[in-house]
């Protein structure tokens, strides 16, 4: 492998085919394989995801699939014997939502939807089915005011170019404050 973009893309495609059965044996989906060069070493970055469900992949599962992927790469009959560094991760929040299962995993979250022929739409993802998504749009208001919600809207997958999860710091802050609040029994115990 010389490191040319075409060679790297071919290597990534070949490794995707090689590694898919290994990842599937762990009840995971192989999302992507990227190969890049760092000096005379290859960096093989593998992204795995849950087949379905709304929770993230547990660290133990990532460690197990990493060992299996490493073994598969070590046994690769078409390997160039160049040293490699293996990176295995799960999709982060910046990963685009392009498949129905990506959307399903993010029900309840704030998303930005790139709708074909329209402006981007920001809102809370409330449902996903085989046809598309349902979103409650956020209507932009003056700075410092609480956002307003628009009319619930269904959007077919055929009308969606892509989407992204929007990180919500205010929602995380509210959840953290709620955890710190004492329940009535704690108040009674604190007074005693």
N, C-alpha and C. Protein backbone atom coordinates (compact mmCIF):
# COMPACT_ATOMS: atom_id res chain seq x y z
N UNK A 1 0.85 -1.19 0.00
CA UNK A 1 0.00 0.00 0.00
C UNK A 1 0.89 1.24 0.00
N UNK A 2 0.73 2.08 -0.98
CA UNK A 2 1.61 3.22 -1.15
C UNK A 2 1.14 4.48 -0.43
N UNK A 3 -0.10 4.53 -0.05
CA UNK A 3 -0.60 5.71 0.66
C UNK A 3 -1.35 6.68 -0.22
N UNK A 4 -1.48 6.35 -1.53
CA UNK A 4 -2.28 7.20 -2.42
C UNK A 4 -3.74 7.07 -2.01
N UNK A 5 -4.54 8.15 -2.20
CA UNK A 5 -5.95 8.08 -1.80
C UNK A 5 -6.70 6.89 -2.39
N UNK A 6 -6.46 6.57 -3.66
CA UNK A 6 -7.17 5.43 -4.28
C UNK A 6 -6.77 4.12 -3.62
N UNK A 7 -5.46 3.97 -3.32
CA UNK A 7 -4.98 2.75 -2.66
C UNK A 7 -5.57 2.62 -1.26
N UNK A 8 -5.64 3.73 -0.55
CA UNK A 8 -6.18 3.72 0.81
C UNK A 8 -7.67 3.38 0.78
N UNK A 9 -8.40 3.92 -0.20
CA UNK A 9 -9.83 3.61 -0.32
C UNK A 9 -10.05 2.14 -0.65
N UNK A 10 -9.22 1.60 -1.54
CA UNK A 10 -9.32 0.17 -1.87
C UNK A 10 -9.01 -0.69 -0.65
N UNK A 11 -8.00 -0.30 0.12
CA UNK A 11 -7.64 -1.04 1.33
C UNK A 11 -8.78 -0.98 2.35
N UNK A 12 -9.39 0.18 2.51
CA UNK A 12 -10.51 0.33 3.45
C UNK A 12 -11.68 -0.55 3.01
N UNK A 13 -11.97 -0.59 1.72
CA UNK A 13 -13.06 -1.42 1.20
C UNK A 13 -12.76 -2.90 1.41
N UNK A 14 -11.51 -3.30 1.17
CA UNK A 14 -11.11 -4.69 1.36
C UNK A 14 -11.22 -5.09 2.84
N UNK A 15 -10.76 -4.21 3.72
CA UNK A 15 -10.83 -4.49 5.16
C UNK A 15 -12.28 -4.51 5.65
N UNK A 16 -13.13 -3.67 5.07
CA UNK A 16 -14.55 -3.69 5.43
C UNK A 16 -15.13 -5.07 5.17
N UNK A 17 -14.85 -5.60 3.99
CA UNK A 17 -15.34 -6.93 3.63
C UNK A 17 -14.75 -8.01 4.55
N UNK A 18 -13.47 -7.87 4.87
CA UNK A 18 -12.81 -8.84 5.75
C UNK A 18 -13.38 -8.81 7.17
N UNK A 19 -13.67 -7.62 7.68
CA UNK A 19 -14.02 -7.47 9.09
C UNK A 19 -15.52 -7.56 9.39
N UNK A 20 -16.38 -7.41 8.38
CA UNK A 20 -17.83 -7.44 8.64
C UNK A 20 -18.28 -8.70 9.39
N UNK A 21 -17.85 -9.91 8.98
CA UNK A 21 -18.29 -11.11 9.71
C UNK A 21 -17.78 -11.13 11.17
N UNK A 22 -16.59 -10.64 11.38
CA UNK A 22 -16.03 -10.60 12.74
C UNK A 22 -16.86 -9.70 13.63
N UNK A 23 -17.19 -8.52 13.13
CA UNK A 23 -17.99 -7.56 13.91
C UNK A 23 -19.40 -8.12 14.13
N UNK A 24 -19.98 -8.71 13.09
CA UNK A 24 -21.34 -9.28 13.19
C UNK A 24 -21.40 -10.41 14.22
N UNK A 25 -20.30 -11.13 14.40
CA UNK A 25 -20.29 -12.21 15.39
C UNK A 25 -20.43 -11.69 16.82
N UNK A 26 -20.25 -10.40 17.00
CA UNK A 26 -20.42 -9.75 18.31
C UNK A 26 -21.78 -9.04 18.40
N UNK A 27 -22.69 -9.33 17.47
CA UNK A 27 -24.00 -8.70 17.38
C UNK A 27 -23.88 -7.18 17.26
N UNK A 28 -22.89 -6.75 16.47
CA UNK A 28 -22.67 -5.33 16.19
C UNK A 28 -22.67 -5.14 14.68
N UNK A 29 -22.74 -3.88 14.26
CA UNK A 29 -22.71 -3.52 12.85
C UNK A 29 -21.41 -2.77 12.58
N UNK A 30 -20.76 -3.11 11.48
CA UNK A 30 -19.57 -2.37 11.06
C UNK A 30 -20.03 -1.14 10.29
N UNK A 31 -19.87 0.03 10.90
CA UNK A 31 -20.31 1.28 10.28
C UNK A 31 -19.32 1.78 9.24
N UNK A 32 -18.03 1.69 9.57
CA UNK A 32 -17.04 2.30 8.68
C UNK A 32 -15.65 1.79 9.01
N UNK A 33 -14.82 1.69 7.98
CA UNK A 33 -13.39 1.43 8.14
C UNK A 33 -12.65 2.53 7.41
N UNK A 34 -11.74 3.17 8.10
CA UNK A 34 -10.89 4.19 7.49
C UNK A 34 -9.44 3.73 7.64
N UNK A 35 -8.65 3.97 6.61
CA UNK A 35 -7.23 3.66 6.66
C UNK A 35 -6.48 4.94 6.32
N UNK A 36 -5.49 5.27 7.12
CA UNK A 36 -4.65 6.41 6.81
C UNK A 36 -3.20 6.07 7.17
N UNK A 37 -2.30 6.83 6.64
CA UNK A 37 -0.87 6.61 6.87
C UNK A 37 -0.35 7.62 7.87
N UNK A 38 0.55 7.17 8.71
CA UNK A 38 1.29 8.03 9.63
C UNK A 38 2.74 7.55 9.56
N UNK A 39 3.51 8.19 8.71
CA UNK A 39 4.87 7.72 8.46
C UNK A 39 4.82 6.39 7.73
N UNK A 40 5.52 5.39 8.27
CA UNK A 40 5.51 4.07 7.63
C UNK A 40 4.51 3.12 8.31
N UNK A 41 3.62 3.68 9.08
CA UNK A 41 2.61 2.87 9.79
C UNK A 41 1.22 3.19 9.27
N UNK A 42 0.37 2.17 9.21
CA UNK A 42 -1.04 2.35 8.85
C UNK A 42 -1.85 2.56 10.14
N UNK A 43 -2.84 3.40 10.06
CA UNK A 43 -3.80 3.53 11.15
C UNK A 43 -5.13 3.04 10.59
N UNK A 44 -5.64 1.98 11.21
CA UNK A 44 -6.91 1.40 10.79
C UNK A 44 -7.94 1.80 11.83
N UNK A 45 -8.89 2.65 11.42
CA UNK A 45 -9.93 3.14 12.33
C UNK A 45 -11.24 2.44 11.96
N UNK A 46 -11.80 1.72 12.93
CA UNK A 46 -13.02 0.95 12.71
C UNK A 46 -14.11 1.51 13.61
N UNK A 47 -15.27 1.81 13.01
CA UNK A 47 -16.42 2.31 13.77
C UNK A 47 -17.47 1.21 13.79
N UNK A 48 -17.86 0.81 15.01
CA UNK A 48 -18.89 -0.23 15.19
C UNK A 48 -20.08 0.37 15.91
N UNK A 49 -21.25 -0.24 15.69
CA UNK A 49 -22.46 0.28 16.32
C UNK A 49 -23.36 -0.88 16.69
N UNK A 50 -24.34 -0.60 17.55
CA UNK A 50 -25.34 -1.58 17.90
C UNK A 50 -26.26 -1.82 16.71
N UNK A 51 -26.76 -3.03 16.58
CA UNK A 51 -27.71 -3.33 15.52
C UNK A 51 -28.97 -2.51 15.72
N UNK A 52 -29.46 -2.47 16.94
CA UNK A 52 -30.61 -1.64 17.28
C UNK A 52 -30.54 -1.30 18.75
N UNK A 53 -31.52 -0.58 19.24
CA UNK A 53 -31.51 -0.15 20.64
C UNK A 53 -31.18 1.32 20.73
N UNK A 54 -31.35 1.86 21.91
CA UNK A 54 -31.13 3.29 22.09
C UNK A 54 -29.94 3.59 22.98
N UNK A 55 -29.39 2.61 23.65
CA UNK A 55 -28.23 2.85 24.51
C UNK A 55 -26.96 2.76 23.69
N UNK A 56 -25.88 3.29 24.23
CA UNK A 56 -24.59 3.19 23.56
C UNK A 56 -23.95 1.83 23.80
N UNK A 57 -22.87 1.58 23.09
CA UNK A 57 -22.14 0.33 23.24
C UNK A 57 -21.34 0.39 24.54
N UNK A 58 -21.39 -0.68 25.30
CA UNK A 58 -20.62 -0.73 26.55
C UNK A 58 -19.14 -0.91 26.24
N UNK A 59 -18.30 -0.39 27.12
CA UNK A 59 -16.85 -0.44 26.93
C UNK A 59 -16.34 -1.87 26.81
N UNK A 60 -16.90 -2.79 27.57
CA UNK A 60 -16.47 -4.18 27.49
C UNK A 60 -16.72 -4.76 26.11
N UNK A 61 -17.83 -4.41 25.50
CA UNK A 61 -18.16 -4.90 24.15
C UNK A 61 -17.17 -4.34 23.13
N UNK A 62 -16.79 -3.08 23.28
CA UNK A 62 -15.80 -2.49 22.37
C UNK A 62 -14.45 -3.19 22.54
N UNK A 63 -14.07 -3.49 23.77
CA UNK A 63 -12.81 -4.19 24.02
C UNK A 63 -12.82 -5.58 23.40
N UNK A 64 -13.93 -6.31 23.55
CA UNK A 64 -14.04 -7.65 22.98
C UNK A 64 -13.96 -7.62 21.47
N UNK A 65 -14.71 -6.74 20.83
CA UNK A 65 -14.70 -6.68 19.37
C UNK A 65 -13.33 -6.19 18.87
N UNK A 66 -12.66 -5.33 19.64
CA UNK A 66 -11.32 -4.87 19.27
C UNK A 66 -10.34 -6.04 19.20
N UNK A 67 -10.39 -6.93 20.20
CA UNK A 67 -9.51 -8.10 20.20
C UNK A 67 -9.79 -8.98 18.98
N UNK A 68 -11.06 -9.20 18.69
CA UNK A 68 -11.42 -10.03 17.54
C UNK A 68 -10.98 -9.40 16.22
N UNK A 69 -11.14 -8.09 16.10
CA UNK A 69 -10.72 -7.38 14.89
C UNK A 69 -9.21 -7.48 14.74
N UNK A 70 -8.48 -7.30 15.82
CA UNK A 70 -7.03 -7.40 15.79
C UNK A 70 -6.59 -8.79 15.33
N UNK A 71 -7.23 -9.83 15.86
CA UNK A 71 -6.91 -11.20 15.44
C UNK A 71 -7.20 -11.39 13.95
N UNK A 72 -8.32 -10.87 13.46
CA UNK A 72 -8.67 -10.99 12.05
C UNK A 72 -7.65 -10.27 11.17
N UNK A 73 -7.20 -9.09 11.60
CA UNK A 73 -6.19 -8.36 10.84
C UNK A 73 -4.86 -9.10 10.83
N UNK A 74 -4.50 -9.70 11.97
CA UNK A 74 -3.25 -10.46 12.05
C UNK A 74 -3.26 -11.69 11.15
N UNK A 75 -4.44 -12.26 10.91
CA UNK A 75 -4.57 -13.46 10.06
C UNK A 75 -4.90 -13.12 8.61
N UNK A 76 -4.98 -11.84 8.27
CA UNK A 76 -5.36 -11.40 6.93
C UNK A 76 -4.37 -11.94 5.90
N UNK A 77 -4.82 -12.81 4.98
CA UNK A 77 -3.91 -13.39 3.99
C UNK A 77 -3.38 -12.38 2.97
N UNK A 78 -4.04 -11.23 2.82
CA UNK A 78 -3.62 -10.22 1.85
C UNK A 78 -2.93 -9.04 2.51
N UNK A 79 -2.53 -9.21 3.76
CA UNK A 79 -1.90 -8.13 4.50
C UNK A 79 -0.52 -7.83 3.92
N UNK A 80 -0.15 -6.56 3.93
CA UNK A 80 1.15 -6.13 3.39
C UNK A 80 2.28 -6.27 4.39
N UNK A 81 1.97 -6.66 5.60
CA UNK A 81 2.94 -6.79 6.70
C UNK A 81 3.44 -5.44 7.20
N UNK A 82 2.86 -4.34 6.71
CA UNK A 82 3.18 -3.03 7.27
C UNK A 82 2.62 -2.97 8.68
N UNK A 83 3.35 -2.37 9.60
CA UNK A 83 2.79 -2.23 10.95
C UNK A 83 1.53 -1.38 10.92
N UNK A 84 0.62 -1.67 11.83
CA UNK A 84 -0.62 -0.90 11.88
C UNK A 84 -0.99 -0.61 13.33
N UNK A 85 -1.75 0.46 13.49
CA UNK A 85 -2.33 0.80 14.78
C UNK A 85 -3.84 0.69 14.59
N UNK A 86 -4.49 -0.04 15.48
CA UNK A 86 -5.92 -0.25 15.39
C UNK A 86 -6.65 0.67 16.35
N UNK A 87 -7.65 1.37 15.83
CA UNK A 87 -8.53 2.21 16.64
C UNK A 87 -9.95 1.72 16.42
N UNK A 88 -10.64 1.36 17.50
CA UNK A 88 -12.03 0.92 17.39
C UNK A 88 -12.87 1.85 18.24
N UNK A 89 -13.95 2.37 17.66
CA UNK A 89 -14.82 3.28 18.40
C UNK A 89 -16.27 3.07 18.00
N UNK A 90 -17.14 3.71 18.76
CA UNK A 90 -18.56 3.73 18.40
C UNK A 90 -18.85 5.12 17.83
N UNK A 91 -19.96 5.27 17.11
CA UNK A 91 -20.27 6.58 16.53
C UNK A 91 -20.48 7.62 17.63
N UNK A 92 -19.98 8.80 17.42
CA UNK A 92 -20.18 9.89 18.36
C UNK A 92 -21.37 10.73 17.95
N UNK A 93 -21.64 11.76 18.72
CA UNK A 93 -22.79 12.61 18.43
C UNK A 93 -22.60 13.42 17.15
N UNK A 94 -21.36 13.58 16.71
CA UNK A 94 -21.14 14.36 15.49
C UNK A 94 -21.35 13.53 14.23
N UNK A 95 -21.57 12.25 14.38
CA UNK A 95 -21.76 11.36 13.24
C UNK A 95 -23.10 11.66 12.56
N UNK A 96 -23.13 11.75 11.23
CA UNK A 96 -24.39 12.04 10.55
C UNK A 96 -25.41 10.92 10.70
N UNK A 97 -26.67 11.29 10.75
CA UNK A 97 -27.77 10.34 10.80
C UNK A 97 -28.21 10.11 9.37
N UNK A 98 -27.90 8.95 8.82
CA UNK A 98 -28.19 8.68 7.42
C UNK A 98 -29.09 7.47 7.22
N UNK A 99 -29.14 6.57 8.19
CA UNK A 99 -29.94 5.36 8.07
C UNK A 99 -31.07 5.37 9.09
N UNK A 100 -32.18 4.68 8.82
CA UNK A 100 -33.28 4.65 9.79
C UNK A 100 -32.84 4.23 11.20
N UNK A 101 -31.92 3.27 11.31
CA UNK A 101 -31.49 2.84 12.65
C UNK A 101 -30.71 3.94 13.38
N UNK A 102 -30.02 4.82 12.63
CA UNK A 102 -29.35 5.95 13.26
C UNK A 102 -30.38 6.87 13.90
N UNK A 103 -31.47 7.12 13.17
CA UNK A 103 -32.53 7.99 13.68
C UNK A 103 -33.20 7.35 14.89
N UNK A 104 -33.49 6.05 14.81
CA UNK A 104 -34.18 5.35 15.90
C UNK A 104 -33.41 5.44 17.21
N UNK A 105 -32.10 5.38 17.12
CA UNK A 105 -31.26 5.42 18.32
C UNK A 105 -31.29 6.79 18.99
N UNK A 106 -31.82 7.79 18.31
CA UNK A 106 -31.76 9.15 18.84
C UNK A 106 -33.12 9.78 19.12
N UNK A 107 -34.15 8.95 19.24
CA UNK A 107 -35.48 9.46 19.60
C UNK A 107 -35.37 10.15 20.96
N UNK A 108 -35.96 11.33 21.05
CA UNK A 108 -35.92 12.12 22.29
C UNK A 108 -34.85 13.19 22.26
N UNK A 109 -33.93 13.10 21.34
CA UNK A 109 -32.85 14.08 21.26
C UNK A 109 -33.19 15.22 20.30
N UNK A 110 -32.47 16.31 20.47
CA UNK A 110 -32.58 17.45 19.56
C UNK A 110 -31.74 17.12 18.33
N UNK A 111 -32.32 17.30 17.14
CA UNK A 111 -31.62 16.99 15.90
C UNK A 111 -31.76 18.14 14.91
N UNK A 112 -30.80 18.23 14.02
CA UNK A 112 -30.89 19.16 12.90
C UNK A 112 -31.06 18.31 11.66
N UNK A 113 -32.11 18.60 10.89
CA UNK A 113 -32.45 17.81 9.71
C UNK A 113 -32.22 18.65 8.46
N UNK A 114 -31.45 18.11 7.54
CA UNK A 114 -31.24 18.74 6.25
C UNK A 114 -32.28 18.17 5.31
N UNK A 115 -33.36 18.92 5.10
CA UNK A 115 -34.49 18.49 4.27
C UNK A 115 -34.25 18.99 2.85
N UNK A 116 -34.41 18.12 1.88
CA UNK A 116 -34.20 18.47 0.48
C UNK A 116 -35.17 19.59 0.08
N UNK A 117 -34.63 20.66 -0.48
CA UNK A 117 -35.44 21.76 -0.98
C UNK A 117 -35.96 22.71 0.09
N UNK A 118 -35.49 22.57 1.33
CA UNK A 118 -35.95 23.44 2.43
C UNK A 118 -34.75 23.88 3.26
N UNK A 119 -35.02 24.83 4.16
CA UNK A 119 -34.00 25.20 5.14
C UNK A 119 -33.84 24.05 6.13
N UNK A 120 -32.66 24.01 6.78
CA UNK A 120 -32.45 23.02 7.84
C UNK A 120 -33.51 23.21 8.91
N UNK A 121 -33.89 22.12 9.53
CA UNK A 121 -34.93 22.12 10.54
C UNK A 121 -34.33 21.62 11.85
N UNK A 122 -34.49 22.37 12.93
CA UNK A 122 -34.01 21.98 14.24
C UNK A 122 -35.20 21.63 15.10
N UNK A 123 -35.14 20.49 15.79
CA UNK A 123 -36.26 20.11 16.64
C UNK A 123 -36.01 18.82 17.38
N UNK A 124 -36.98 18.46 18.20
CA UNK A 124 -36.91 17.24 19.01
C UNK A 124 -37.46 16.07 18.20
N UNK A 125 -36.65 15.02 18.05
CA UNK A 125 -37.06 13.81 17.34
C UNK A 125 -37.97 13.00 18.26
N UNK A 126 -39.22 12.82 17.85
CA UNK A 126 -40.18 12.15 18.74
C UNK A 126 -40.53 10.73 18.32
N UNK A 127 -40.35 10.41 17.03
CA UNK A 127 -40.69 9.06 16.58
C UNK A 127 -39.99 8.76 15.26
N UNK A 128 -39.80 7.45 15.01
CA UNK A 128 -39.21 6.98 13.76
C UNK A 128 -39.98 5.72 13.36
N UNK A 129 -40.33 5.63 12.08
CA UNK A 129 -40.92 4.40 11.57
C UNK A 129 -40.26 4.06 10.24
N UNK A 130 -40.77 3.08 9.54
CA UNK A 130 -40.14 2.66 8.28
C UNK A 130 -40.22 3.72 7.19
N UNK A 131 -41.14 4.67 7.33
CA UNK A 131 -41.33 5.71 6.31
C UNK A 131 -40.48 6.95 6.55
N UNK A 132 -40.25 7.30 7.83
CA UNK A 132 -39.51 8.52 8.11
C UNK A 132 -39.52 8.86 9.58
N UNK A 133 -39.40 10.15 9.87
CA UNK A 133 -39.28 10.62 11.25
C UNK A 133 -40.41 11.59 11.58
N UNK A 134 -40.63 11.77 12.89
CA UNK A 134 -41.55 12.80 13.38
C UNK A 134 -40.72 13.70 14.28
N UNK A 135 -40.87 15.00 14.06
CA UNK A 135 -40.06 15.98 14.79
C UNK A 135 -40.96 17.12 15.27
N UNK A 136 -40.65 17.64 16.44
CA UNK A 136 -41.31 18.84 16.94
C UNK A 136 -40.30 19.97 16.78
N UNK A 137 -40.49 20.84 15.76
CA UNK A 137 -39.51 21.89 15.48
C UNK A 137 -39.38 22.91 16.61
N UNK A 138 -38.18 23.43 16.76
CA UNK A 138 -37.91 24.54 17.67
C UNK A 138 -37.98 25.80 16.84
N UNK A 139 -38.76 26.77 17.28
CA UNK A 139 -38.87 28.05 16.58
C UNK A 139 -37.90 29.02 17.23
N UNK A 140 -37.06 29.62 16.41
CA UNK A 140 -36.06 30.54 16.91
C UNK A 140 -36.72 31.77 17.51
N UNK A 141 -36.24 32.18 18.69
CA UNK A 141 -36.76 33.37 19.37
C UNK A 141 -35.57 34.27 19.70
N UNK A 142 -35.86 35.42 20.29
CA UNK A 142 -34.79 36.34 20.67
C UNK A 142 -33.88 35.69 21.70
N UNK A 143 -32.63 36.08 21.66
CA UNK A 143 -31.62 35.55 22.57
C UNK A 143 -32.07 35.76 24.02
N UNK A 144 -31.91 34.72 24.82
CA UNK A 144 -32.28 34.79 26.23
C UNK A 144 -33.69 34.31 26.52
N UNK A 145 -34.50 34.15 25.47
CA UNK A 145 -35.87 33.68 25.66
C UNK A 145 -35.91 32.17 25.46
N UNK A 146 -36.85 31.54 26.11
CA UNK A 146 -37.03 30.11 25.98
C UNK A 146 -37.55 29.79 24.58
N UNK A 147 -36.94 28.79 23.88
CA UNK A 147 -37.41 28.45 22.53
C UNK A 147 -38.86 27.98 22.54
N UNK A 148 -39.54 28.25 21.45
CA UNK A 148 -40.93 27.81 21.30
C UNK A 148 -40.96 26.60 20.39
N UNK A 149 -41.99 25.79 20.58
CA UNK A 149 -42.14 24.61 19.74
C UNK A 149 -43.15 24.86 18.64
N UNK A 150 -42.83 24.34 17.45
CA UNK A 150 -43.73 24.45 16.32
C UNK A 150 -44.66 23.25 16.25
N UNK A 151 -45.39 23.16 15.16
CA UNK A 151 -46.31 22.05 14.93
C UNK A 151 -45.53 20.77 14.63
N UNK A 152 -45.95 19.67 15.21
CA UNK A 152 -45.33 18.37 14.95
C UNK A 152 -45.33 18.12 13.45
N UNK A 153 -44.22 17.59 12.96
CA UNK A 153 -44.07 17.41 11.52
C UNK A 153 -43.48 16.04 11.21
N UNK A 154 -44.04 15.36 10.24
CA UNK A 154 -43.50 14.09 9.76
C UNK A 154 -42.73 14.35 8.48
N UNK A 155 -41.55 13.73 8.38
CA UNK A 155 -40.70 13.91 7.21
C UNK A 155 -40.27 12.53 6.72
N UNK A 156 -40.53 12.25 5.46
CA UNK A 156 -40.15 10.96 4.87
C UNK A 156 -38.65 10.87 4.67
N UNK A 157 -38.11 9.66 4.80
CA UNK A 157 -36.68 9.47 4.59
C UNK A 157 -36.25 9.93 3.20
N UNK A 158 -37.13 9.81 2.21
CA UNK A 158 -36.79 10.21 0.84
C UNK A 158 -36.58 11.72 0.73
N UNK A 159 -37.07 12.49 1.71
CA UNK A 159 -36.91 13.94 1.70
C UNK A 159 -35.75 14.42 2.57
N UNK A 160 -35.08 13.50 3.24
CA UNK A 160 -34.00 13.86 4.16
C UNK A 160 -32.65 13.60 3.51
N UNK A 161 -31.86 14.65 3.41
CA UNK A 161 -30.50 14.49 2.89
C UNK A 161 -29.64 13.85 3.98
N UNK A 162 -29.71 14.39 5.20
CA UNK A 162 -29.00 13.85 6.36
C UNK A 162 -29.43 14.62 7.59
N UNK A 163 -28.97 14.16 8.73
CA UNK A 163 -29.27 14.83 9.98
C UNK A 163 -28.11 14.68 10.95
N UNK A 164 -28.15 15.46 12.01
CA UNK A 164 -27.14 15.40 13.05
C UNK A 164 -27.80 15.60 14.41
N UNK A 165 -27.25 14.96 15.41
CA UNK A 165 -27.68 15.19 16.79
C UNK A 165 -27.08 16.52 17.23
N UNK A 166 -27.88 17.33 17.87
CA UNK A 166 -27.43 18.60 18.42
C UNK A 166 -27.18 18.40 19.92
N UNK A 167 -26.00 18.73 20.37
CA UNK A 167 -25.66 18.59 21.78
C UNK A 167 -26.38 19.69 22.55
N UNK A 168 -27.06 19.29 23.63
CA UNK A 168 -27.84 20.24 24.43
C UNK A 168 -27.20 20.40 25.80
N UNK A 169 -26.53 21.51 26.01
CA UNK A 169 -25.90 21.76 27.30
C UNK A 169 -26.92 22.14 28.36
N UNK A 170 -27.95 22.87 27.99
CA UNK A 170 -28.94 23.29 28.98
C UNK A 170 -29.72 22.09 29.50
N UNK A 171 -29.99 21.12 28.66
CA UNK A 171 -30.71 19.93 29.10
C UNK A 171 -29.84 19.12 30.07
N UNK A 172 -28.54 19.03 29.78
CA UNK A 172 -27.63 18.31 30.66
C UNK A 172 -27.52 19.02 32.01
N UNK A 173 -27.48 20.36 31.98
CA UNK A 173 -27.41 21.13 33.22
C UNK A 173 -28.67 20.90 34.06
N UNK A 174 -29.84 20.89 33.43
CA UNK A 174 -31.10 20.67 34.14
C UNK A 174 -31.12 19.28 34.77
N UNK A 175 -30.62 18.28 34.04
CA UNK A 175 -30.58 16.91 34.57
C UNK A 175 -29.64 16.84 35.77
N UNK A 176 -28.49 17.52 35.69
CA UNK A 176 -27.54 17.52 36.80
C UNK A 176 -28.14 18.20 38.03
N UNK A 177 -28.84 19.32 37.83
CA UNK A 177 -29.48 20.02 38.94
C UNK A 177 -30.57 19.16 39.56
N UNK A 178 -31.32 18.45 38.73
CA UNK A 178 -32.39 17.61 39.22
C UNK A 178 -31.83 16.48 40.10
N UNK A 179 -30.66 15.94 39.72
CA UNK A 179 -30.03 14.88 40.51
C UNK A 179 -29.61 15.41 41.88
N UNK A 180 -29.24 16.69 41.96
CA UNK A 180 -28.77 17.27 43.21
C UNK A 180 -29.89 17.61 44.17
N UNK A 181 -31.11 17.76 43.65
CA UNK A 181 -32.23 18.11 44.51
C UNK A 181 -32.53 16.98 45.48
N UNK A 182 -32.85 17.34 46.70
CA UNK A 182 -33.20 16.35 47.72
C UNK A 182 -34.66 15.99 47.61
N UNK A 183 -34.98 14.73 47.81
CA UNK A 183 -36.40 14.38 47.84
C UNK A 183 -36.92 14.63 49.26
N UNK A 184 -38.23 14.62 49.49
CA UNK A 184 -38.80 14.96 50.79
C UNK A 184 -38.23 14.13 51.93
N UNK A 185 -37.94 12.87 51.72
CA UNK A 185 -37.39 12.03 52.79
C UNK A 185 -36.01 12.52 53.20
N UNK A 186 -35.21 12.97 52.22
CA UNK A 186 -33.86 13.48 52.53
C UNK A 186 -33.98 14.74 53.39
N UNK A 187 -34.97 15.61 53.11
CA UNK A 187 -35.16 16.82 53.92
C UNK A 187 -35.45 16.45 55.37
N UNK A 188 -36.32 15.45 55.55
CA UNK A 188 -36.67 15.03 56.91
C UNK A 188 -35.46 14.48 57.64
N UNK A 189 -34.64 13.69 56.93
CA UNK A 189 -33.44 13.11 57.53
C UNK A 189 -32.41 14.19 57.86
N UNK A 190 -32.32 15.23 57.02
CA UNK A 190 -31.36 16.30 57.26
C UNK A 190 -31.75 17.11 58.48
N UNK A 191 -33.08 17.25 58.77
CA UNK A 191 -33.53 18.02 59.91
C UNK A 191 -33.37 17.25 61.21
N UNK A 192 -33.36 15.95 61.16
CA UNK A 192 -33.33 15.12 62.38
C UNK A 192 -32.00 15.12 63.06
